[in-house]
Amino acid sequence: MSGLSLGVLVVEGDVKSGALSPPAWPWSRTAMVFAVPGSVFSPQSRGTHQLIQEGAKLVQNARDVLEMS
């Protein structure tokens, strides 16, 4: 589905989870990738933190996504 989207929002996922695979497609076609940060103590937040470090747009609320579209 990510190949048909204008953007992808990743809410949580570990670095080795499938949550990081779909964003690789939109980035290659210049679509937007959004990520919601989580606790630095949670393994389920490592993936979103990595995406943010790699250039995903940080999302704190719905307005952040709407302003970028």
N, C-alpha and C. Protein backbone atom coordinates (compact mmCIF):
# COMPACT_ATOMS: atom_id res chain seq x y z
N MET A 1 0.81 -1.20 0.00
CA MET A 1 0.00 0.00 0.00
C MET A 1 0.85 1.26 0.00
N SER A 2 2.05 1.17 0.58
CA SER A 2 2.86 2.38 0.65
C SER A 2 3.24 2.89 -0.74
N GLY A 3 3.29 1.99 -1.71
CA GLY A 3 3.62 2.41 -3.07
C GLY A 3 2.53 3.26 -3.70
N LEU A 4 1.32 3.20 -3.18
CA LEU A 4 0.20 3.97 -3.70
C LEU A 4 -0.05 5.24 -2.91
N SER A 5 0.73 5.46 -1.86
CA SER A 5 0.49 6.57 -0.93
C SER A 5 1.35 7.78 -1.24
N LEU A 6 0.86 8.94 -0.85
CA LEU A 6 1.66 10.16 -0.93
C LEU A 6 2.60 10.27 0.24
N GLY A 7 2.33 9.53 1.29
CA GLY A 7 3.18 9.55 2.47
C GLY A 7 2.89 8.35 3.35
N VAL A 8 3.81 8.10 4.27
CA VAL A 8 3.68 6.99 5.21
C VAL A 8 3.93 7.53 6.61
N LEU A 9 3.07 7.14 7.56
CA LEU A 9 3.23 7.53 8.95
C LEU A 9 3.57 6.28 9.74
N VAL A 10 4.76 6.27 10.36
CA VAL A 10 5.18 5.14 11.19
C VAL A 10 5.04 5.56 12.64
N VAL A 11 4.24 4.81 13.40
CA VAL A 11 3.95 5.17 14.78
C VAL A 11 4.91 4.49 15.74
N GLU A 12 5.21 3.23 15.52
CA GLU A 12 6.20 2.55 16.34
C GLU A 12 6.70 1.30 15.64
N GLY A 13 7.86 0.86 16.06
CA GLY A 13 8.45 -0.36 15.51
C GLY A 13 9.91 -0.42 15.86
N ASP A 14 10.37 -1.62 16.15
CA ASP A 14 11.78 -1.82 16.44
C ASP A 14 12.56 -1.72 15.13
N VAL A 15 13.86 -1.57 15.23
CA VAL A 15 14.71 -1.41 14.05
C VAL A 15 14.59 -2.61 13.11
N LYS A 16 14.42 -3.80 13.66
CA LYS A 16 14.36 -5.00 12.84
C LYS A 16 12.93 -5.37 12.44
N SER A 17 11.96 -4.54 12.76
CA SER A 17 10.57 -4.87 12.43
C SER A 17 10.26 -4.52 10.99
N GLY A 18 9.13 -4.96 10.53
CA GLY A 18 8.69 -4.65 9.17
C GLY A 18 8.25 -3.21 9.03
N ALA A 19 8.16 -2.48 10.13
CA ALA A 19 7.72 -1.08 10.06
C ALA A 19 8.71 -0.21 9.29
N LEU A 20 9.95 -0.62 9.20
CA LEU A 20 10.94 0.19 8.50
C LEU A 20 11.06 -0.16 7.03
N SER A 21 10.48 -1.25 6.59
CA SER A 21 10.56 -1.62 5.18
C SER A 21 9.69 -0.75 4.29
N PRO A 22 8.40 -0.55 4.60
CA PRO A 22 7.57 0.27 3.71
C PRO A 22 8.10 1.68 3.49
N PRO A 23 8.63 2.36 4.51
CA PRO A 23 9.12 3.72 4.25
C PRO A 23 10.26 3.79 3.23
N ALA A 24 10.96 2.72 3.01
CA ALA A 24 12.05 2.75 2.04
C ALA A 24 11.52 3.02 0.63
N TRP A 25 10.32 2.55 0.33
CA TRP A 25 9.74 2.77 -0.99
C TRP A 25 9.35 4.22 -1.23
N PRO A 26 8.59 4.84 -0.34
CA PRO A 26 8.23 6.24 -0.60
C PRO A 26 9.45 7.16 -0.68
N TRP A 27 10.46 6.91 0.15
CA TRP A 27 11.63 7.77 0.10
C TRP A 27 12.27 7.71 -1.28
N SER A 28 12.26 6.54 -1.89
CA SER A 28 12.88 6.41 -3.19
C SER A 28 12.08 7.13 -4.28
N ARG A 29 10.80 7.39 -4.03
CA ARG A 29 9.99 8.12 -5.00
C ARG A 29 9.62 9.51 -4.50
N THR A 30 10.34 10.00 -3.56
CA THR A 30 10.20 11.35 -3.00
C THR A 30 8.87 11.62 -2.32
N ALA A 31 8.21 10.60 -1.80
CA ALA A 31 7.00 10.80 -1.00
C ALA A 31 7.42 11.14 0.43
N MET A 32 6.48 11.62 1.21
CA MET A 32 6.78 12.03 2.57
C MET A 32 6.78 10.82 3.51
N VAL A 33 7.73 10.81 4.43
CA VAL A 33 7.76 9.79 5.47
C VAL A 33 7.68 10.53 6.81
N PHE A 34 6.70 10.16 7.62
CA PHE A 34 6.46 10.77 8.92
C PHE A 34 6.70 9.73 10.00
N ALA A 35 7.21 10.16 11.16
CA ALA A 35 7.45 9.24 12.26
C ALA A 35 7.08 9.91 13.58
N VAL A 36 6.42 9.14 14.44
CA VAL A 36 6.05 9.62 15.76
C VAL A 36 7.11 9.15 16.75
N PRO A 37 7.76 10.07 17.47
CA PRO A 37 8.78 9.66 18.43
C PRO A 37 8.13 8.98 19.64
N GLY A 38 8.92 8.19 20.31
CA GLY A 38 8.42 7.52 21.52
C GLY A 38 9.46 7.59 22.62
N SER A 39 9.25 6.81 23.63
CA SER A 39 10.16 6.79 24.77
C SER A 39 11.53 6.28 24.35
N VAL A 40 12.57 6.91 24.84
CA VAL A 40 13.93 6.45 24.55
C VAL A 40 14.21 5.12 25.24
N PHE A 41 13.38 4.72 26.16
CA PHE A 41 13.56 3.47 26.88
C PHE A 41 12.83 2.30 26.24
N SER A 42 12.00 2.57 25.23
CA SER A 42 11.20 1.53 24.60
C SER A 42 11.84 1.00 23.33
N PRO A 43 12.01 -0.32 23.24
CA PRO A 43 12.54 -0.90 22.00
C PRO A 43 11.61 -0.65 20.82
N GLN A 44 10.32 -0.45 21.08
CA GLN A 44 9.34 -0.20 20.02
C GLN A 44 9.47 1.20 19.43
N SER A 45 10.31 2.03 20.01
CA SER A 45 10.51 3.38 19.49
C SER A 45 11.81 3.52 18.70
N ARG A 46 12.64 2.51 18.74
CA ARG A 46 13.94 2.60 18.05
C ARG A 46 13.79 2.83 16.55
N GLY A 47 12.83 2.17 15.95
CA GLY A 47 12.63 2.31 14.51
C GLY A 47 12.21 3.71 14.11
N THR A 48 11.27 4.29 14.85
CA THR A 48 10.83 5.64 14.50
C THR A 48 11.93 6.65 14.76
N HIS A 49 12.70 6.44 15.81
CA HIS A 49 13.81 7.35 16.08
C HIS A 49 14.85 7.27 14.96
N GLN A 50 15.10 6.08 14.46
CA GLN A 50 16.05 5.92 13.35
C GLN A 50 15.53 6.63 12.11
N LEU A 51 14.24 6.49 11.83
CA LEU A 51 13.66 7.17 10.66
C LEU A 51 13.81 8.68 10.78
N ILE A 52 13.58 9.21 11.96
CA ILE A 52 13.72 10.66 12.17
C ILE A 52 15.16 11.08 11.96
N GLN A 53 16.10 10.29 12.44
CA GLN A 53 17.52 10.60 12.22
C GLN A 53 17.86 10.57 10.73
N GLU A 54 17.18 9.73 9.97
CA GLU A 54 17.46 9.60 8.54
C GLU A 54 16.68 10.59 7.68
N GLY A 55 15.88 11.45 8.31
CA GLY A 55 15.20 12.49 7.55
C GLY A 55 13.68 12.45 7.53
N ALA A 56 13.07 11.49 8.21
CA ALA A 56 11.60 11.48 8.28
C ALA A 56 11.14 12.72 9.04
N LYS A 57 9.94 13.18 8.73
CA LYS A 57 9.37 14.34 9.40
C LYS A 57 8.85 13.92 10.77
N LEU A 58 9.27 14.62 11.80
CA LEU A 58 8.82 14.34 13.16
C LEU A 58 7.37 14.77 13.30
N VAL A 59 6.53 13.90 13.85
CA VAL A 59 5.12 14.19 14.03
C VAL A 59 4.77 14.17 15.51
N GLN A 60 4.22 15.28 15.98
CA GLN A 60 3.76 15.36 17.37
C GLN A 60 2.24 15.42 17.45
N ASN A 61 1.60 15.82 16.35
CA ASN A 61 0.13 15.87 16.30
C ASN A 61 -0.30 15.86 14.84
N ALA A 62 -1.61 15.76 14.63
CA ALA A 62 -2.14 15.67 13.26
C ALA A 62 -1.81 16.90 12.43
N ARG A 63 -1.71 18.04 13.05
CA ARG A 63 -1.40 19.28 12.33
C ARG A 63 -0.05 19.18 11.62
N ASP A 64 0.90 18.48 12.23
CA ASP A 64 2.22 18.33 11.61
C ASP A 64 2.12 17.65 10.25
N VAL A 65 1.25 16.67 10.14
CA VAL A 65 1.06 15.96 8.86
C VAL A 65 0.29 16.85 7.88
N LEU A 66 -0.76 17.48 8.36
CA LEU A 66 -1.60 18.30 7.47
C LEU A 66 -0.83 19.50 6.90
N GLU A 67 0.07 20.07 7.67
CA GLU A 67 0.85 21.22 7.20
C GLU A 67 1.83 20.83 6.11
N MET A 68 2.27 19.59 6.09
CA MET A 68 3.26 19.14 5.11
C MET A 68 2.61 18.67 3.81
N SER A 69 1.31 18.39 3.83
CA SER A 69 0.66 17.85 2.63
C SER A 69 0.17 18.95 1.71
